[in-house]
Amino acid sequence: MSHQSKGPSNFYHRKLVRELWKTKRRIWKKLSKKIASPRSNSIEANLYRINKKTNVNDVIVIPGKVLGIGELNHKLTIACLECSTSAKKKIEQSGSKILTINELLEQNPEGKNIKIFY
């Protein structure tokens, strides 16, 4: 009988989960739980879906991967774990910013005006 670890196997994702949990803010704790959930529950968000469900100048966090299917018609700030190269190119062409979740945590430790995208 061997010990099987729970949560993400990626060292950086585990470290991020701990940092988010330590903040004691509800939004960051919720995000920490989502990142620590099994890989089968991970989020893959296409740009057309992001475009449809967001407004101009929203700040969103995607606890998963952003895929490049579709277009963005307005400016956003997107923080995610991973991003495909085509999605990154399209996000930059629309005038939006793409960040890592760590960078967003440093910029906004209170977690105000941030939406978690499921």
PDB file of N, CA and C in Angstrom:
ATOM      1  N   MET A   1       0.843  -1.172   0.000  1.00  0.00           N
ATOM      2  CA  MET A   1       0.000   0.000   0.000  1.00  0.00           C
ATOM      3  C   MET A   1       0.887   1.233   0.000  1.00  0.00           C
ATOM      4  N   SER A   2       0.805   2.031  -1.054  1.00  0.00           N
ATOM      5  CA  SER A   2       1.647   3.225  -1.136  1.00  0.00           C
ATOM      6  C   SER A   2       0.810   4.469  -0.885  1.00  0.00           C
ATOM      7  N   HIS A   3       1.514   5.499  -0.515  1.00  0.00           N
ATOM      8  CA  HIS A   3       0.852   6.783  -0.259  1.00  0.00           C
ATOM      9  C   HIS A   3       0.675   7.527  -1.580  1.00  0.00           C
ATOM     10  N   GLN A   4      -0.544   7.924  -1.872  1.00  0.00           N
ATOM     11  CA  GLN A   4      -0.805   8.680  -3.083  1.00  0.00           C
ATOM     12  C   GLN A   4      -1.103  10.122  -2.691  1.00  0.00           C
ATOM     13  N   SER A   5      -0.339  11.058  -3.257  1.00  0.00           N
ATOM     14  CA  SER A   5      -0.545  12.449  -2.896  1.00  0.00           C
ATOM     15  C   SER A   5      -1.831  12.980  -3.511  1.00  0.00           C
ATOM     16  N   LYS A   6      -2.438  13.898  -2.826  1.00  0.00           N
ATOM     17  CA  LYS A   6      -3.668  14.533  -3.299  1.00  0.00           C
ATOM     18  C   LYS A   6      -3.308  15.911  -3.834  1.00  0.00           C
ATOM     19  N   GLY A   7      -4.073  16.394  -4.773  1.00  0.00           N
ATOM     20  CA  GLY A   7      -3.854  17.728  -5.305  1.00  0.00           C
ATOM     21  C   GLY A   7      -2.926  17.703  -6.499  1.00  0.00           C
ATOM     22  N   PRO A   8      -2.517  18.894  -6.945  1.00  0.00           N
ATOM     23  CA  PRO A   8      -1.701  18.996  -8.154  1.00  0.00           C
ATOM     24  C   PRO A   8      -0.307  18.411  -7.961  1.00  0.00           C
ATOM     25  N   SER A   9       0.225  17.802  -9.012  1.00  0.00           N
ATOM     26  CA  SER A   9       1.566  17.234  -8.931  1.00  0.00           C
ATOM     27  C   SER A   9       2.622  18.251  -9.335  1.00  0.00           C
ATOM     28  N   ASN A  10       2.227  19.310  -9.999  1.00  0.00           N
ATOM     29  CA  ASN A  10       3.151  20.360 -10.402  1.00  0.00           C
ATOM     30  C   ASN A  10       3.587  21.152  -9.167  1.00  0.00           C
ATOM     31  N   PHE A  11       4.892  21.280  -8.974  1.00  0.00           N
ATOM     32  CA  PHE A  11       5.436  21.972  -7.803  1.00  0.00           C
ATOM     33  C   PHE A  11       4.936  23.406  -7.711  1.00  0.00           C
ATOM     34  N   TYR A  12       4.897  24.107  -8.830  1.00  0.00           N
ATOM     35  CA  TYR A  12       4.494  25.509  -8.831  1.00  0.00           C
ATOM     36  C   TYR A  12       3.008  25.672  -8.516  1.00  0.00           C
ATOM     37  N   HIS A  13       2.200  24.731  -8.949  1.00  0.00           N
ATOM     38  CA  HIS A  13       0.780  24.785  -8.628  1.00  0.00           C
ATOM     39  C   HIS A  13       0.562  24.508  -7.138  1.00  0.00           C
ATOM     40  N   ARG A  14       1.311  23.570  -6.572  1.00  0.00           N
ATOM     41  CA  ARG A  14       1.202  23.294  -5.133  1.00  0.00           C
ATOM     42  C   ARG A  14       1.614  24.522  -4.325  1.00  0.00           C
ATOM     43  N   LYS A  15       2.698  25.164  -4.758  1.00  0.00           N
ATOM     44  CA  LYS A  15       3.183  26.365  -4.072  1.00  0.00           C
ATOM     45  C   LYS A  15       2.141  27.484  -4.165  1.00  0.00           C
ATOM     46  N   LEU A  16       1.533  27.643  -5.336  1.00  0.00           N
ATOM     47  CA  LEU A  16       0.499  28.655  -5.534  1.00  0.00           C
ATOM     48  C   LEU A  16      -0.704  28.382  -4.636  1.00  0.00           C
ATOM     49  N   VAL A  17      -1.114  27.131  -4.521  1.00  0.00           N
ATOM     50  CA  VAL A  17      -2.239  26.758  -3.661  1.00  0.00           C
ATOM     51  C   VAL A  17      -1.955  27.179  -2.226  1.00  0.00           C
ATOM     52  N   ARG A  18      -0.744  26.929  -1.740  1.00  0.00           N
ATOM     53  CA  ARG A  18      -0.383  27.316  -0.362  1.00  0.00           C
ATOM     54  C   ARG A  18      -0.396  28.832  -0.192  1.00  0.00           C
ATOM     55  N   GLU A  19       0.168  29.556  -1.158  1.00  0.00           N
ATOM     56  CA  GLU A  19       0.210  31.020  -1.064  1.00  0.00           C
ATOM     57  C   GLU A  19      -1.198  31.617  -1.072  1.00  0.00           C
ATOM     58  N   LEU A  20      -2.064  31.101  -1.928  1.00  0.00           N
ATOM     59  CA  LEU A  20      -3.433  31.603  -1.991  1.00  0.00           C
ATOM     60  C   LEU A  20      -4.181  31.325  -0.691  1.00  0.00           C
ATOM     61  N   TRP A  21      -3.957  30.142  -0.127  1.00  0.00           N
ATOM     62  CA  TRP A  21      -4.658  29.767   1.096  1.00  0.00           C
ATOM     63  C   TRP A  21      -4.221  30.640   2.270  1.00  0.00           C
ATOM     64  N   LYS A  22      -2.954  31.021   2.315  1.00  0.00           N
ATOM     65  CA  LYS A  22      -2.419  31.815   3.424  1.00  0.00           C
ATOM     66  C   LYS A  22      -2.984  33.231   3.472  1.00  0.00           C
ATOM     67  N   THR A  23      -3.538  33.724   2.384  1.00  0.00           N
ATOM     68  CA  THR A  23      -4.034  35.095   2.348  1.00  0.00           C
ATOM     69  C   THR A  23      -5.244  35.313   3.242  1.00  0.00           C
ATOM     70  N   LYS A  24      -5.984  34.256   3.536  1.00  0.00           N
ATOM     71  CA  LYS A  24      -7.182  34.307   4.369  1.00  0.00           C
ATOM     72  C   LYS A  24      -8.313  35.116   3.737  1.00  0.00           C
ATOM     73  N   ARG A  25      -8.222  35.408   2.461  1.00  0.00           N
ATOM     74  CA  ARG A  25      -9.295  36.101   1.741  1.00  0.00           C
ATOM     75  C   ARG A  25     -10.173  35.060   1.064  1.00  0.00           C
ATOM     76  N   ARG A  26     -11.478  35.290   1.087  1.00  0.00           N
ATOM     77  CA  ARG A  26     -12.412  34.296   0.573  1.00  0.00           C
ATOM     78  C   ARG A  26     -12.176  33.967  -0.898  1.00  0.00           C
ATOM     79  N   ILE A  27     -11.954  34.982  -1.730  1.00  0.00           N
ATOM     80  CA  ILE A  27     -11.789  34.729  -3.163  1.00  0.00           C
ATOM     81  C   ILE A  27     -10.530  33.911  -3.436  1.00  0.00           C
ATOM     82  N   TRP A  28      -9.435  34.203  -2.722  1.00  0.00           N
ATOM     83  CA  TRP A  28      -8.189  33.470  -2.953  1.00  0.00           C
ATOM     84  C   TRP A  28      -8.279  32.050  -2.403  1.00  0.00           C
ATOM     85  N   LYS A  29      -8.989  31.862  -1.285  1.00  0.00           N
ATOM     86  CA  LYS A  29      -9.170  30.507  -0.741  1.00  0.00           C
ATOM     87  C   LYS A  29     -10.018  29.653  -1.684  1.00  0.00           C
ATOM     88  N   LYS A  30     -11.058  30.277  -2.258  1.00  0.00           N
ATOM     89  CA  LYS A  30     -11.912  29.569  -3.208  1.00  0.00           C
ATOM     90  C   LYS A  30     -11.103  29.147  -4.437  1.00  0.00           C
ATOM     91  N   LEU A  31     -10.269  30.048  -4.914  1.00  0.00           N
ATOM     92  CA  LEU A  31      -9.410  29.752  -6.060  1.00  0.00           C
ATOM     93  C   LEU A  31      -8.404  28.654  -5.713  1.00  0.00           C
ATOM     94  N   SER A  32      -7.881  28.695  -4.501  1.00  0.00           N
ATOM     95  CA  SER A  32      -6.937  27.677  -4.038  1.00  0.00           C
ATOM     96  C   SER A  32      -7.574  26.290  -4.060  1.00  0.00           C
ATOM     97  N   LYS A  33      -8.802  26.196  -3.604  1.00  0.00           N
ATOM     98  CA  LYS A  33      -9.510  24.908  -3.617  1.00  0.00           C
ATOM     99  C   LYS A  33      -9.715  24.406  -5.038  1.00  0.00           C
ATOM    100  N   LYS A  34     -10.050  25.316  -5.943  1.00  0.00           N
ATOM    101  CA  LYS A  34     -10.302  24.926  -7.331  1.00  0.00           C
ATOM    102  C   LYS A  34      -9.020  24.430  -7.993  1.00  0.00           C
ATOM    103  N   ILE A  35      -7.895  25.089  -7.742  1.00  0.00           N
ATOM    104  CA  ILE A  35      -6.620  24.668  -8.335  1.00  0.00           C
ATOM    105  C   ILE A  35      -6.177  23.325  -7.752  1.00  0.00           C
ATOM    106  N   ALA A  36      -6.472  23.099  -6.477  1.00  0.00           N
ATOM    107  CA  ALA A  36      -6.065  21.865  -5.817  1.00  0.00           C
ATOM    108  C   ALA A  36      -6.979  20.689  -6.150  1.00  0.00           C
ATOM    109  N   SER A  37      -8.085  20.932  -6.829  1.00  0.00           N
ATOM    110  CA  SER A  37      -9.003  19.846  -7.152  1.00  0.00           C
ATOM    111  C   SER A  37      -8.384  18.923  -8.208  1.00  0.00           C
ATOM    112  N   PRO A  38      -8.940  17.742  -8.403  1.00  0.00           N
ATOM    113  CA  PRO A  38      -8.376  16.794  -9.370  1.00  0.00           C
ATOM    114  C   PRO A  38      -8.303  17.371 -10.791  1.00  0.00           C
ATOM    115  N   ARG A  39      -7.361  16.879 -11.547  1.00  0.00           N
ATOM    116  CA  ARG A  39      -7.134  17.365 -12.903  1.00  0.00           C
ATOM    117  C   ARG A  39      -8.355  17.183 -13.803  1.00  0.00           C
ATOM    118  N   SER A  40      -9.152  16.187 -13.526  1.00  0.00           N
ATOM    119  CA  SER A  40     -10.352  15.962 -14.333  1.00  0.00           C
ATOM    120  C   SER A  40     -11.365  17.094 -14.170  1.00  0.00           C
ATOM    121  N   ASN A  41     -11.244  17.883 -13.105  1.00  0.00           N
ATOM    122  CA  ASN A  41     -12.132  19.026 -12.875  1.00  0.00           C
ATOM    123  C   ASN A  41     -11.517  20.334 -13.360  1.00  0.00           C
ATOM    124  N   SER A  42     -10.400  20.278 -14.057  1.00  0.00           N
ATOM    125  CA  SER A  42      -9.729  21.514 -14.452  1.00  0.00           C
ATOM    126  C   SER A  42     -10.534  22.255 -15.517  1.00  0.00           C
ATOM    127  N   ILE A  43     -10.330  23.544 -15.574  1.00  0.00           N
ATOM    128  CA  ILE A  43     -11.064  24.423 -16.469  1.00  0.00           C
ATOM    129  C   ILE A  43     -10.266  24.640 -17.747  1.00  0.00           C
ATOM    130  N   GLU A  44     -10.939  24.572 -18.873  1.00  0.00           N
ATOM    131  CA  GLU A  44     -10.363  24.963 -20.158  1.00  0.00           C
ATOM    132  C   GLU A  44     -11.334  25.950 -20.771  1.00  0.00           C
ATOM    133  N   ALA A  45     -10.939  27.211 -20.821  1.00  0.00           N
ATOM    134  CA  ALA A  45     -11.837  28.263 -21.287  1.00  0.00           C
ATOM    135  C   ALA A  45     -11.414  28.749 -22.666  1.00  0.00           C
ATOM    136  N   ASN A  46     -12.351  28.754 -23.594  1.00  0.00           N
ATOM    137  CA  ASN A  46     -12.095  29.285 -24.930  1.00  0.00           C
ATOM    138  C   ASN A  46     -12.343  30.786 -24.933  1.00  0.00           C
ATOM    139  N   LEU A  47     -11.667  31.488 -25.832  1.00  0.00           N
ATOM    140  CA  LEU A  47     -11.801  32.934 -25.899  1.00  0.00           C
ATOM    141  C   LEU A  47     -13.224  33.382 -26.225  1.00  0.00           C
ATOM    142  N   TYR A  48     -13.938  32.617 -27.069  1.00  0.00           N
ATOM    143  CA  TYR A  48     -15.301  33.041 -27.398  1.00  0.00           C
ATOM    144  C   TYR A  48     -16.199  32.998 -26.169  1.00  0.00           C
ATOM    145  N   ARG A  49     -15.985  32.032 -25.283  1.00  0.00           N
ATOM    146  CA  ARG A  49     -16.772  31.932 -24.057  1.00  0.00           C
ATOM    147  C   ARG A  49     -16.412  33.052 -23.079  1.00  0.00           C
ATOM    148  N   ILE A  50     -15.123  33.356 -22.993  1.00  0.00           N
ATOM    149  CA  ILE A  50     -14.667  34.457 -22.145  1.00  0.00           C
ATOM    150  C   ILE A  50     -15.263  35.761 -22.647  1.00  0.00           C
ATOM    151  N   ASN A  51     -15.245  35.973 -23.967  1.00  0.00           N
ATOM    152  CA  ASN A  51     -15.770  37.190 -24.570  1.00  0.00           C
ATOM    153  C   ASN A  51     -17.269  37.346 -24.292  1.00  0.00           C
ATOM    154  N   LYS A  52     -17.988  36.242 -24.358  1.00  0.00           N
ATOM    155  CA  LYS A  52     -19.438  36.268 -24.177  1.00  0.00           C
ATOM    156  C   LYS A  52     -19.833  36.571 -22.731  1.00  0.00           C
ATOM    157  N   LYS A  53     -19.040  36.108 -21.763  1.00  0.00           N
ATOM    158  CA  LYS A  53     -19.438  36.201 -20.358  1.00  0.00           C
ATOM    159  C   LYS A  53     -18.758  37.332 -19.580  1.00  0.00           C
ATOM    160  N   THR A  54     -18.003  38.193 -20.252  1.00  0.00           N
ATOM    161  CA  THR A  54     -17.314  39.277 -19.550  1.00  0.00           C
ATOM    162  C   THR A  54     -17.685  40.624 -20.148  1.00  0.00           C
ATOM    163  N   ASN A  55     -17.366  41.673 -19.403  1.00  0.00           N
ATOM    164  CA  ASN A  55     -17.591  43.042 -19.844  1.00  0.00           C
ATOM    165  C   ASN A  55     -16.252  43.758 -20.001  1.00  0.00           C
ATOM    166  N   VAL A  56     -16.297  44.970 -20.504  1.00  0.00           N
ATOM    167  CA  VAL A  56     -15.088  45.770 -20.712  1.00  0.00           C
ATOM    168  C   VAL A  56     -14.393  46.020 -19.373  1.00  0.00           C
ATOM    169  N   ASN A  57     -13.075  45.884 -19.361  1.00  0.00           N
ATOM    170  CA  ASN A  57     -12.191  46.152 -18.216  1.00  0.00           C
ATOM    171  C   ASN A  57     -12.429  45.230 -17.023  1.00  0.00           C
ATOM    172  N   ASP A  58     -13.022  44.073 -17.218  1.00  0.00           N
ATOM    173  CA  ASP A  58     -13.146  43.091 -16.143  1.00  0.00           C
ATOM    174  C   ASP A  58     -11.777  42.492 -15.840  1.00  0.00           C
ATOM    175  N   VAL A  59     -11.619  42.059 -14.600  1.00  0.00           N
ATOM    176  CA  VAL A  59     -10.429  41.308 -14.192  1.00  0.00           C
ATOM    177  C   VAL A  59     -10.920  39.919 -13.844  1.00  0.00           C
ATOM    178  N   ILE A  60     -10.454  38.916 -14.597  1.00  0.00           N
ATOM    179  CA  ILE A  60     -10.916  37.549 -14.353  1.00  0.00           C
ATOM    180  C   ILE A  60      -9.736  36.626 -14.063  1.00  0.00           C
ATOM    181  N   VAL A  61     -10.019  35.603 -13.294  1.00  0.00           N
ATOM    182  CA  VAL A  61      -9.034  34.573 -12.975  1.00  0.00           C
ATOM    183  C   VAL A  61      -9.579  33.257 -13.489  1.00  0.00           C
ATOM    184  N   ILE A  62      -8.769  32.544 -14.238  1.00  0.00           N
ATOM    185  CA  ILE A  62      -9.157  31.245 -14.766  1.00  0.00           C
ATOM    186  C   ILE A  62      -8.250  30.192 -14.128  1.00  0.00           C
ATOM    187  N   PRO A  63      -8.805  29.332 -13.264  1.00  0.00           N
ATOM    188  CA  PRO A  63      -7.984  28.317 -12.605  1.00  0.00           C
ATOM    189  C   PRO A  63      -7.723  27.124 -13.524  1.00  0.00           C
ATOM    190  N   GLY A  64      -7.195  27.395 -14.682  1.00  0.00           N
ATOM    191  CA  GLY A  64      -6.936  26.367 -15.671  1.00  0.00           C
ATOM    192  C   GLY A  64      -6.251  26.964 -16.873  1.00  0.00           C
ATOM    193  N   LYS A  65      -6.617  26.472 -18.060  1.00  0.00           N
ATOM    194  CA  LYS A  65      -5.949  26.864 -19.295  1.00  0.00           C
ATOM    195  C   LYS A  65      -6.883  27.678 -20.179  1.00  0.00           C
ATOM    196  N   VAL A  66      -6.321  28.706 -20.825  1.00  0.00           N
ATOM    197  CA  VAL A  66      -7.061  29.502 -21.796  1.00  0.00           C
ATOM    198  C   VAL A  66      -6.699  28.987 -23.180  1.00  0.00           C
ATOM    199  N   LEU A  67      -7.724  28.685 -23.981  1.00  0.00           N
ATOM    200  CA  LEU A  67      -7.522  28.174 -25.330  1.00  0.00           C
ATOM    201  C   LEU A  67      -7.894  29.243 -26.351  1.00  0.00           C
ATOM    202  N   GLY A  68      -7.317  29.179 -27.536  1.00  0.00           N
ATOM    203  CA  GLY A  68      -7.431  30.241 -28.518  1.00  0.00           C
ATOM    204  C   GLY A  68      -8.579  30.142 -29.498  1.00  0.00           C
ATOM    205  N   ILE A  69      -9.642  29.434 -29.176  1.00  0.00           N
ATOM    206  CA  ILE A  69     -10.774  29.328 -30.094  1.00  0.00           C
ATOM    207  C   ILE A  69     -11.682  30.532 -29.876  1.00  0.00           C
ATOM    208  N   GLY A  70     -11.859  31.345 -30.910  1.00  0.00           N
ATOM    209  CA  GLY A  70     -12.698  32.530 -30.812  1.00  0.00           C
ATOM    210  C   GLY A  70     -11.870  33.798 -30.795  1.00  0.00           C
ATOM    211  N   GLU A  71     -12.528  34.909 -30.529  1.00  0.00           N
ATOM    212  CA  GLU A  71     -11.894  36.226 -30.515  1.00  0.00           C
ATOM    213  C   GLU A  71     -12.331  36.992 -29.277  1.00  0.00           C
ATOM    214  N   LEU A  72     -11.541  38.015 -28.905  1.00  0.00           N
ATOM    215  CA  LEU A  72     -11.926  38.945 -27.852  1.00  0.00           C
ATOM    216  C   LEU A  72     -12.264  40.275 -28.500  1.00  0.00           C
ATOM    217  N   ASN A  73     -13.412  40.850 -28.135  1.00  0.00           N
ATOM    218  CA  ASN A  73     -13.837  42.125 -28.705  1.00  0.00           C
ATOM    219  C   ASN A  73     -13.626  43.300 -27.764  1.00  0.00           C
ATOM    220  N   HIS A  74     -13.245  43.041 -26.522  1.00  0.00           N
ATOM    221  CA  HIS A  74     -13.057  44.120 -25.560  1.00  0.00           C
ATOM    222  C   HIS A  74     -11.837  43.831 -24.692  1.00  0.00           C
ATOM    223  N   LYS A  75     -11.390  44.873 -23.968  1.00  0.00           N
ATOM    224  CA  LYS A  75     -10.188  44.742 -23.143  1.00  0.00           C
ATOM    225  C   LYS A  75     -10.523  44.086 -21.814  1.00  0.00           C
ATOM    226  N   LEU A  76      -9.641  43.188 -21.402  1.00  0.00           N
ATOM    227  CA  LEU A  76      -9.761  42.463 -20.138  1.00  0.00           C
ATOM    228  C   LEU A  76      -8.394  42.352 -19.499  1.00  0.00           C
ATOM    229  N   THR A  77      -8.384  41.965 -18.252  1.00  0.00           N
ATOM    230  CA  THR A  77      -7.169  41.487 -17.605  1.00  0.00           C
ATOM    231  C   THR A  77      -7.454  40.049 -17.231  1.00  0.00           C
ATOM    232  N   ILE A  78      -6.654  39.137 -17.770  1.00  0.00           N
ATOM    233  CA  ILE A  78      -6.869  37.708 -17.562  1.00  0.00           C
ATOM    234  C   ILE A  78      -5.678  37.131 -16.817  1.00  0.00           C
ATOM    235  N   ALA A  79      -5.958  36.453 -15.707  1.00  0.00           N
ATOM    236  CA  ALA A  79      -4.930  35.726 -14.970  1.00  0.00           C
ATOM    237  C   ALA A  79      -5.277  34.244 -15.063  1.00  0.00           C
ATOM    238  N   CYS A  80      -4.299  33.424 -15.420  1.00  0.00           N
ATOM    239  CA  CYS A  80      -4.581  31.996 -15.580  1.00  0.00           C
ATOM    240  C   CYS A  80      -3.350  31.173 -15.229  1.00  0.00           C
ATOM    241  N   LEU A  81      -3.562  29.871 -15.082  1.00  0.00           N
ATOM    242  CA  LEU A  81      -2.442  28.963 -14.835  1.00  0.00           C
ATOM    243  C   LEU A  81      -1.636  28.743 -16.110  1.00  0.00           C
ATOM    244  N   GLU A  82      -2.336  28.502 -17.214  1.00  0.00           N
ATOM    245  CA  GLU A  82      -1.681  28.230 -18.488  1.00  0.00           C
ATOM    246  C   GLU A  82      -2.436  28.943 -19.595  1.00  0.00           C
ATOM    247  N   CYS A  83      -1.742  29.169 -20.703  1.00  0.00           N
ATOM    248  CA  CYS A  83      -2.366  29.832 -21.840  1.00  0.00           C
ATOM    249  C   CYS A  83      -1.711  29.306 -23.114  1.00  0.00           C
ATOM    250  N   SER A  84      -2.533  28.957 -24.096  1.00  0.00           N
ATOM    251  CA  SER A  84      -1.975  28.484 -25.362  1.00  0.00           C
ATOM    252  C   SER A  84      -1.357  29.661 -26.105  1.00  0.00           C
ATOM    253  N   THR A  85      -0.458  29.365 -27.019  1.00  0.00           N
ATOM    254  CA  THR A  85       0.231  30.439 -27.746  1.00  0.00           C
ATOM    255  C   THR A  85      -0.735  31.222 -28.630  1.00  0.00           C
ATOM    256  N   SER A  86      -1.690  30.548 -29.239  1.00  0.00           N
ATOM    257  CA  SER A  86      -2.661  31.257 -30.080  1.00  0.00           C
ATOM    258  C   SER A  86      -3.557  32.158 -29.224  1.00  0.00           C
ATOM    259  N   ALA A  87      -3.926  31.706 -28.041  1.00  0.00           N
ATOM    260  CA  ALA A  87      -4.744  32.525 -27.146  1.00  0.00           C
ATOM    261  C   ALA A  87      -3.966  33.744 -26.681  1.00  0.00           C
ATOM    262  N   LYS A  88      -2.699  33.547 -26.356  1.00  0.00           N
ATOM    263  CA  LYS A  88      -1.868  34.665 -25.902  1.00  0.00           C
ATOM    264  C   LYS A  88      -1.753  35.728 -26.993  1.00  0.00           C
ATOM    265  N   LYS A  89      -1.563  35.293 -28.221  1.00  0.00           N
ATOM    266  CA  LYS A  89      -1.455  36.220 -29.345  1.00  0.00           C
ATOM    267  C   LYS A  89      -2.754  36.997 -29.537  1.00  0.00           C
ATOM    268  N   LYS A  90      -3.900  36.315 -29.485  1.00  0.00           N
ATOM    269  CA  LYS A  90      -5.199  36.965 -29.682  1.00  0.00           C
ATOM    270  C   LYS A  90      -5.532  37.916 -28.529  1.00  0.00           C
ATOM    271  N   ILE A  91      -5.146  37.547 -27.317  1.00  0.00           N
ATOM    272  CA  ILE A  91      -5.395  38.412 -26.158  1.00  0.00           C
ATOM    273  C   ILE A  91      -4.594  39.700 -26.293  1.00  0.00           C
ATOM    274  N   GLU A  92      -3.346  39.595 -26.692  1.00  0.00           N
ATOM    275  CA  GLU A  92      -2.509  40.783 -26.852  1.00  0.00           C
ATOM    276  C   GLU A  92      -2.995  41.648 -28.017  1.00  0.00           C
ATOM    277  N   GLN A  93      -3.510  41.037 -29.089  1.00  0.00           N
ATOM    278  CA  GLN A  93      -4.030  41.799 -30.221  1.00  0.00           C
ATOM    279  C   GLN A  93      -5.268  42.604 -29.848  1.00  0.00           C
ATOM    280  N   SER A  94      -6.063  42.102 -28.897  1.00  0.00           N
ATOM    281  CA  SER A  94      -7.277  42.810 -28.493  1.00  0.00           C
ATOM    282  C   SER A  94      -6.983  43.954 -27.523  1.00  0.00           C
ATOM    283  N   GLY A  95      -5.729  44.082 -27.088  1.00  0.00           N
ATOM    284  CA  GLY A  95      -5.362  45.133 -26.144  1.00  0.00           C
ATOM    285  C   GLY A  95      -5.527  44.708 -24.693  1.00  0.00           C
ATOM    286  N   SER A  96      -5.821  43.458 -24.473  1.00  0.00           N
ATOM    287  CA  SER A  96      -5.989  42.936 -23.114  1.00  0.00           C
ATOM    288  C   SER A  96      -4.644  42.548 -22.528  1.00  0.00           C
ATOM    289  N   LYS A  97      -4.635  42.361 -21.205  1.00  0.00           N
ATOM    290  CA  LYS A  97      -3.415  41.933 -20.523  1.00  0.00           C
ATOM    291  C   LYS A  97      -3.592  40.504 -20.037  1.00  0.00           C
ATOM    292  N   ILE A  98      -2.502  39.761 -20.088  1.00  0.00           N
ATOM    293  CA  ILE A  98      -2.515  38.407 -19.547  1.00  0.00           C
ATOM    294  C   ILE A  98      -1.454  38.328 -18.458  1.00  0.00           C
ATOM    295  N   LEU A  99      -1.831  37.786 -17.312  1.00  0.00           N
ATOM    296  CA  LEU A  99      -0.953  37.691 -16.154  1.00  0.00           C
ATOM    297  C   LEU A  99      -0.968  36.265 -15.618  1.00  0.00           C
ATOM    298  N   THR A 100      -0.002  35.983 -14.773  1.00  0.00           N
ATOM    299  CA  THR A 100      -0.076  34.749 -14.007  1.00  0.00           C
ATOM    300  C   THR A 100      -0.901  35.046 -12.757  1.00  0.00           C
ATOM    301  N   ILE A 101      -1.361  34.022 -12.097  1.00  0.00           N
ATOM    302  CA  ILE A 101      -2.156  34.220 -10.885  1.00  0.00           C
ATOM    303  C   ILE A 101      -1.284  34.820  -9.783  1.00  0.00           C
ATOM    304  N   ASN A 102       0.001  34.465  -9.747  1.00  0.00           N
ATOM    305  CA  ASN A 102       0.918  35.058  -8.775  1.00  0.00           C
ATOM    306  C   ASN A 102       1.031  36.563  -8.957  1.00  0.00           C
ATOM    307  N   GLU A 103       1.147  37.012 -10.200  1.00  0.00           N
ATOM    308  CA  GLU A 103       1.256  38.441 -10.473  1.00  0.00           C
ATOM    309  C   GLU A 103      -0.008  39.178 -10.039  1.00  0.00           C
ATOM    310  N   LEU A 104      -1.173  38.587 -10.302  1.00  0.00           N
ATOM    311  CA  LEU A 104      -2.428  39.209  -9.891  1.00  0.00           C
ATOM    312  C   LEU A 104      -2.534  39.257  -8.370  1.00  0.00           C
ATOM    313  N   LEU A 105      -2.084  38.219  -7.708  1.00  0.00           N
ATOM    314  CA  LEU A 105      -2.100  38.191  -6.243  1.00  0.00           C
ATOM    315  C   LEU A 105      -1.224  39.297  -5.675  1.00  0.00           C
ATOM    316  N   GLU A 106      -0.062  39.547  -6.288  1.00  0.00           N
ATOM    317  CA  GLU A 106       0.813  40.627  -5.836  1.00  0.00           C
ATOM    318  C   GLU A 106       0.189  41.999  -6.089  1.00  0.00           C
ATOM    319  N   GLN A 107      -0.477  42.164  -7.228  1.00  0.00           N
ATOM    320  CA  GLN A 107      -1.089  43.441  -7.571  1.00  0.00           C
ATOM    321  C   GLN A 107      -2.337  43.730  -6.746  1.00  0.00           C
ATOM    322  N   ASN A 108      -3.101  42.707  -6.420  1.00  0.00           N
ATOM    323  CA  ASN A 108      -4.375  42.874  -5.737  1.00  0.00           C
ATOM    324  C   ASN A 108      -4.514  41.842  -4.618  1.00  0.00           C
ATOM    325  N   PRO A 109      -3.786  42.005  -3.505  1.00  0.00           N
ATOM    326  CA  PRO A 109      -3.848  41.001  -2.434  1.00  0.00           C
ATOM    327  C   PRO A 109      -5.212  40.939  -1.744  1.00  0.00           C
ATOM    328  N   GLU A 110      -5.995  42.007  -1.830  1.00  0.00           N
ATOM    329  CA  GLU A 110      -7.327  42.012  -1.229  1.00  0.00           C
ATOM    330  C   GLU A 110      -8.317  41.210  -2.063  1.00  0.00           C
ATOM    331  N   GLY A 111      -8.063  41.087  -3.356  1.00  0.00           N
ATOM    332  CA  GLY A 111      -8.949  40.330  -4.234  1.00  0.00           C
ATOM    333  C   GLY A 111     -10.216  41.066  -4.613  1.00  0.00           C
ATOM    334  N   LYS A 112     -10.156  42.391  -4.632  1.00  0.00           N
ATOM    335  CA  LYS A 112     -11.352  43.178  -4.947  1.00  0.00           C
ATOM    336  C   LYS A 112     -11.541  43.309  -6.453  1.00  0.00           C
ATOM    337  N   ASN A 113     -12.814  43.274  -6.876  1.00  0.00           N
ATOM    338  CA  ASN A 113     -13.215  43.423  -8.273  1.00  0.00           C
ATOM    339  C   ASN A 113     -12.611  42.360  -9.191  1.00  0.00           C
ATOM    340  N   ILE A 114     -12.481  41.156  -8.673  1.00  0.00           N
ATOM    341  CA  ILE A 114     -11.957  40.035  -9.458  1.00  0.00           C
ATOM    342  C   ILE A 114     -13.062  38.988  -9.572  1.00  0.00           C
ATOM    343  N   LYS A 115     -13.193  38.427 -10.757  1.00  0.00           N
ATOM    344  CA  LYS A 115     -14.171  37.361 -10.986  1.00  0.00           C
ATOM    345  C   LYS A 115     -13.436  36.068 -11.290  1.00  0.00           C
ATOM    346  N   ILE A 116     -13.892  34.984 -10.654  1.00  0.00           N
ATOM    347  CA  ILE A 116     -13.340  33.666 -10.975  1.00  0.00           C
ATOM    348  C   ILE A 116     -14.185  33.085 -12.087  1.00  0.00           C
ATOM    349  N   PHE A 117     -13.542  32.671 -13.147  1.00  0.00           N
ATOM    350  CA  PHE A 117     -14.222  32.166 -14.343  1.00  0.00           C
ATOM    351  C   PHE A 117     -14.252  30.655 -14.302  1.00  0.00           C
ATOM    352  N   TYR A 118     -15.445  30.070 -14.265  1.00  0.00           N
ATOM    353  CA  TYR A 118     -15.592  28.614 -14.253  1.00  0.00           C
ATOM    354  C   TYR A 118     -16.066  28.122 -15.577  1.00  0.00           C
TER     355      TYR A 118
END
